Amino acid sequence: MDPEPLASLFVTLRRYAGWLDKGRPSATVRSSVDALVTAVDAGEDASQLVQTLEDDIARLPSGGVRKMLRTTAGGVRRLLGR
């Protein structure tokens, strides 16, 4: 698998997560993004971490950033084949 598309999605996830406020749900999303990137970089199975990220995103208030995060997380899931 070409790592470039996945790396691009991770950059996008981090950028979108950085746009969130400083509340607890937002901090949880940022932590989930970091854990997912770390696991994939280490070659670990990230299927549970992708699900956790998607669950954390679902806890955010509705809005444009939430939608962009959901779309990007879905792209990560597809590239990882999970």
N, C-alpha and C. Protein backbone atom coordinates (compact mmCIF):
# COMPACT_ATOMS: atom_id res chain seq x y z
N MET A 1 0.84 -1.18 0.00
CA MET A 1 0.00 0.00 0.00
C MET A 1 0.88 1.24 0.00
N ASP A 2 0.51 2.20 -0.80
CA ASP A 2 1.22 3.47 -0.87
C ASP A 2 0.91 4.28 0.39
N PRO A 3 1.92 4.65 1.18
CA PRO A 3 1.67 5.36 2.44
C PRO A 3 1.27 6.82 2.26
N GLU A 4 1.47 7.38 1.07
CA GLU A 4 1.20 8.81 0.87
C GLU A 4 -0.26 9.20 1.08
N PRO A 5 -1.24 8.48 0.54
CA PRO A 5 -2.64 8.88 0.77
C PRO A 5 -3.01 8.82 2.26
N LEU A 6 -2.52 7.81 2.97
CA LEU A 6 -2.81 7.68 4.38
C LEU A 6 -2.16 8.82 5.17
N ALA A 7 -0.93 9.14 4.84
CA ALA A 7 -0.24 10.24 5.51
C ALA A 7 -0.98 11.56 5.27
N SER A 8 -1.48 11.74 4.08
CA SER A 8 -2.23 12.94 3.75
C SER A 8 -3.52 13.03 4.59
N LEU A 9 -4.19 11.90 4.75
CA LEU A 9 -5.40 11.89 5.58
C LEU A 9 -5.08 12.19 7.04
N PHE A 10 -3.96 11.69 7.53
CA PHE A 10 -3.57 11.96 8.91
C PHE A 10 -3.28 13.45 9.11
N VAL A 11 -2.62 14.06 8.15
CA VAL A 11 -2.36 15.50 8.22
C VAL A 11 -3.69 16.26 8.26
N THR A 12 -4.61 15.84 7.43
CA THR A 12 -5.93 16.49 7.39
C THR A 12 -6.68 16.29 8.70
N LEU A 13 -6.66 15.07 9.24
CA LEU A 13 -7.32 14.81 10.52
C LEU A 13 -6.75 15.71 11.62
N ARG A 14 -5.44 15.80 11.67
CA ARG A 14 -4.82 16.64 12.70
C ARG A 14 -5.18 18.11 12.52
N ARG A 15 -5.23 18.56 11.29
CA ARG A 15 -5.59 19.96 11.03
C ARG A 15 -7.03 20.22 11.49
N TYR A 16 -7.95 19.36 11.10
CA TYR A 16 -9.35 19.54 11.50
C TYR A 16 -9.50 19.46 13.02
N ALA A 17 -8.84 18.50 13.64
CA ALA A 17 -8.92 18.36 15.10
C ALA A 17 -8.37 19.61 15.80
N GLY A 18 -7.39 20.23 15.19
CA GLY A 18 -6.83 21.47 15.75
C GLY A 18 -7.80 22.63 15.69
N TRP A 19 -8.77 22.55 14.82
CA TRP A 19 -9.77 23.62 14.70
C TRP A 19 -10.84 23.54 15.79
N LEU A 20 -10.91 22.41 16.50
CA LEU A 20 -11.93 22.24 17.53
C LEU A 20 -11.64 23.12 18.74
N ASP A 21 -12.66 23.33 19.55
CA ASP A 21 -12.47 24.15 20.74
C ASP A 21 -11.63 23.39 21.78
N LYS A 22 -11.56 23.93 22.96
CA LYS A 22 -10.71 23.35 24.01
C LYS A 22 -11.47 22.45 24.97
N GLY A 23 -12.74 22.16 24.69
CA GLY A 23 -13.55 21.33 25.57
C GLY A 23 -13.10 19.88 25.59
N ARG A 24 -13.67 19.13 26.53
CA ARG A 24 -13.29 17.74 26.71
C ARG A 24 -13.55 16.87 25.48
N PRO A 25 -14.73 16.96 24.83
CA PRO A 25 -14.94 16.13 23.64
C PRO A 25 -13.90 16.41 22.54
N SER A 26 -13.53 17.67 22.40
CA SER A 26 -12.54 18.03 21.38
C SER A 26 -11.17 17.48 21.73
N ALA A 27 -10.81 17.57 23.01
CA ALA A 27 -9.52 17.02 23.45
C ALA A 27 -9.48 15.51 23.25
N THR A 28 -10.61 14.86 23.47
CA THR A 28 -10.69 13.41 23.27
C THR A 28 -10.48 13.05 21.81
N VAL A 29 -11.05 13.83 20.91
CA VAL A 29 -10.86 13.59 19.47
C VAL A 29 -9.39 13.77 19.11
N ARG A 30 -8.77 14.83 19.61
CA ARG A 30 -7.35 15.05 19.30
C ARG A 30 -6.49 13.90 19.82
N SER A 31 -6.80 13.40 21.01
CA SER A 31 -6.05 12.25 21.56
C SER A 31 -6.26 11.00 20.72
N SER A 32 -7.48 10.79 20.25
CA SER A 32 -7.78 9.63 19.42
C SER A 32 -7.04 9.69 18.09
N VAL A 33 -6.96 10.88 17.51
CA VAL A 33 -6.22 11.06 16.26
C VAL A 33 -4.75 10.72 16.49
N ASP A 34 -4.18 11.24 17.56
CA ASP A 34 -2.77 10.98 17.86
C ASP A 34 -2.51 9.50 18.09
N ALA A 35 -3.41 8.82 18.82
CA ALA A 35 -3.25 7.39 19.08
C ALA A 35 -3.34 6.58 17.78
N LEU A 36 -4.23 6.96 16.91
CA LEU A 36 -4.38 6.26 15.63
C LEU A 36 -3.13 6.42 14.78
N VAL A 37 -2.65 7.62 14.66
CA VAL A 37 -1.44 7.87 13.86
C VAL A 37 -0.26 7.09 14.44
N THR A 38 -0.10 7.12 15.74
CA THR A 38 1.00 6.40 16.39
C THR A 38 0.91 4.90 16.12
N ALA A 39 -0.28 4.33 16.24
CA ALA A 39 -0.46 2.89 16.01
C ALA A 39 -0.15 2.51 14.57
N VAL A 40 -0.63 3.29 13.63
CA VAL A 40 -0.38 2.98 12.21
C VAL A 40 1.11 3.11 11.90
N ASP A 41 1.73 4.15 12.43
CA ASP A 41 3.18 4.33 12.22
C ASP A 41 3.98 3.16 12.79
N ALA A 42 3.50 2.58 13.88
CA ALA A 42 4.19 1.45 14.52
C ALA A 42 3.82 0.11 13.87
N GLY A 43 2.90 0.13 12.91
CA GLY A 43 2.52 -1.09 12.22
C GLY A 43 1.54 -1.95 12.99
N GLU A 44 0.87 -1.38 13.97
CA GLU A 44 -0.08 -2.12 14.79
C GLU A 44 -1.46 -2.15 14.13
N ASP A 45 -2.30 -3.07 14.60
CA ASP A 45 -3.68 -3.13 14.13
C ASP A 45 -4.42 -1.91 14.68
N ALA A 46 -4.98 -1.12 13.79
CA ALA A 46 -5.61 0.14 14.20
C ALA A 46 -7.12 0.11 14.07
N SER A 47 -7.71 -1.06 13.83
CA SER A 47 -9.15 -1.12 13.60
C SER A 47 -9.95 -0.60 14.79
N GLN A 48 -9.56 -0.97 16.00
CA GLN A 48 -10.27 -0.49 17.19
C GLN A 48 -10.07 1.01 17.37
N LEU A 49 -8.90 1.51 17.04
CA LEU A 49 -8.63 2.94 17.19
C LEU A 49 -9.42 3.78 16.19
N VAL A 50 -9.63 3.25 14.99
CA VAL A 50 -10.46 3.95 14.02
C VAL A 50 -11.89 4.03 14.54
N GLN A 51 -12.38 2.93 15.10
CA GLN A 51 -13.74 2.92 15.64
C GLN A 51 -13.85 3.89 16.82
N THR A 52 -12.85 3.91 17.67
CA THR A 52 -12.85 4.84 18.81
C THR A 52 -12.88 6.28 18.33
N LEU A 53 -12.08 6.58 17.31
CA LEU A 53 -12.07 7.93 16.76
C LEU A 53 -13.45 8.30 16.22
N GLU A 54 -14.06 7.40 15.48
CA GLU A 54 -15.39 7.67 14.93
C GLU A 54 -16.42 7.87 16.04
N ASP A 55 -16.31 7.09 17.11
CA ASP A 55 -17.22 7.26 18.25
C ASP A 55 -17.00 8.61 18.92
N ASP A 56 -15.74 9.01 19.08
CA ASP A 56 -15.43 10.31 19.69
C ASP A 56 -15.93 11.46 18.83
N ILE A 57 -15.78 11.33 17.53
CA ILE A 57 -16.28 12.37 16.62
C ILE A 57 -17.79 12.49 16.74
N ALA A 58 -18.48 11.37 16.91
CA ALA A 58 -19.94 11.38 17.03
C ALA A 58 -20.40 12.14 18.27
N ARG A 59 -19.54 12.26 19.27
CA ARG A 59 -19.89 12.97 20.50
C ARG A 59 -19.74 14.49 20.37
N LEU A 60 -19.13 14.93 19.29
CA LEU A 60 -18.97 16.37 19.08
C LEU A 60 -20.31 17.00 18.70
N PRO A 61 -20.47 18.30 18.99
CA PRO A 61 -21.68 18.98 18.52
C PRO A 61 -21.71 18.99 16.99
N SER A 62 -22.91 19.00 16.45
CA SER A 62 -23.05 19.05 15.00
C SER A 62 -22.38 20.29 14.45
N GLY A 63 -21.85 20.16 13.25
CA GLY A 63 -21.21 21.30 12.61
C GLY A 63 -20.33 20.86 11.46
N GLY A 64 -19.77 21.84 10.80
CA GLY A 64 -18.96 21.58 9.63
C GLY A 64 -17.69 20.82 9.92
N VAL A 65 -17.01 21.15 11.02
CA VAL A 65 -15.76 20.46 11.35
C VAL A 65 -16.05 19.00 11.68
N ARG A 66 -17.13 18.76 12.40
CA ARG A 66 -17.49 17.37 12.71
C ARG A 66 -17.71 16.57 11.42
N LYS A 67 -18.39 17.14 10.48
CA LYS A 67 -18.65 16.45 9.21
C LYS A 67 -17.34 16.18 8.47
N MET A 68 -16.44 17.16 8.46
CA MET A 68 -15.15 16.97 7.77
C MET A 68 -14.34 15.88 8.46
N LEU A 69 -14.36 15.86 9.80
CA LEU A 69 -13.65 14.81 10.53
C LEU A 69 -14.23 13.43 10.23
N ARG A 70 -15.56 13.33 10.20
CA ARG A 70 -16.20 12.04 9.91
C ARG A 70 -15.82 11.55 8.51
N THR A 71 -15.84 12.44 7.55
CA THR A 71 -15.50 12.07 6.18
C THR A 71 -14.06 11.60 6.09
N THR A 72 -13.16 12.32 6.73
CA THR A 72 -11.74 11.97 6.68
C THR A 72 -11.47 10.67 7.43
N ALA A 73 -12.12 10.47 8.58
CA ALA A 73 -11.96 9.21 9.32
C ALA A 73 -12.47 8.03 8.49
N GLY A 74 -13.54 8.24 7.74
CA GLY A 74 -14.04 7.21 6.84
C GLY A 74 -13.04 6.86 5.76
N GLY A 75 -12.34 7.88 5.26
CA GLY A 75 -11.28 7.64 4.29
C GLY A 75 -10.14 6.82 4.86
N VAL A 76 -9.79 7.09 6.10
CA VAL A 76 -8.75 6.30 6.78
C VAL A 76 -9.21 4.86 6.91
N ARG A 77 -10.46 4.66 7.32
CA ARG A 77 -10.99 3.31 7.47
C ARG A 77 -10.92 2.55 6.14
N ARG A 78 -11.31 3.21 5.06
CA ARG A 78 -11.28 2.55 3.75
C ARG A 78 -9.85 2.19 3.34
N LEU A 79 -8.91 3.10 3.56
CA LEU A 79 -7.52 2.82 3.17
C LEU A 79 -6.91 1.69 4.01
N LEU A 80 -7.31 1.62 5.27
CA LEU A 80 -6.79 0.55 6.12
C LEU A 80 -7.51 -0.76 5.87
N GLY A 81 -8.62 -0.70 5.12
CA GLY A 81 -9.35 -1.91 4.78
C GLY A 81 -10.15 -2.47 5.94
N ARG A 82 -10.64 -1.60 6.82
CA ARG A 82 -11.37 -2.05 7.99
C ARG A 82 -12.74 -1.47 7.99
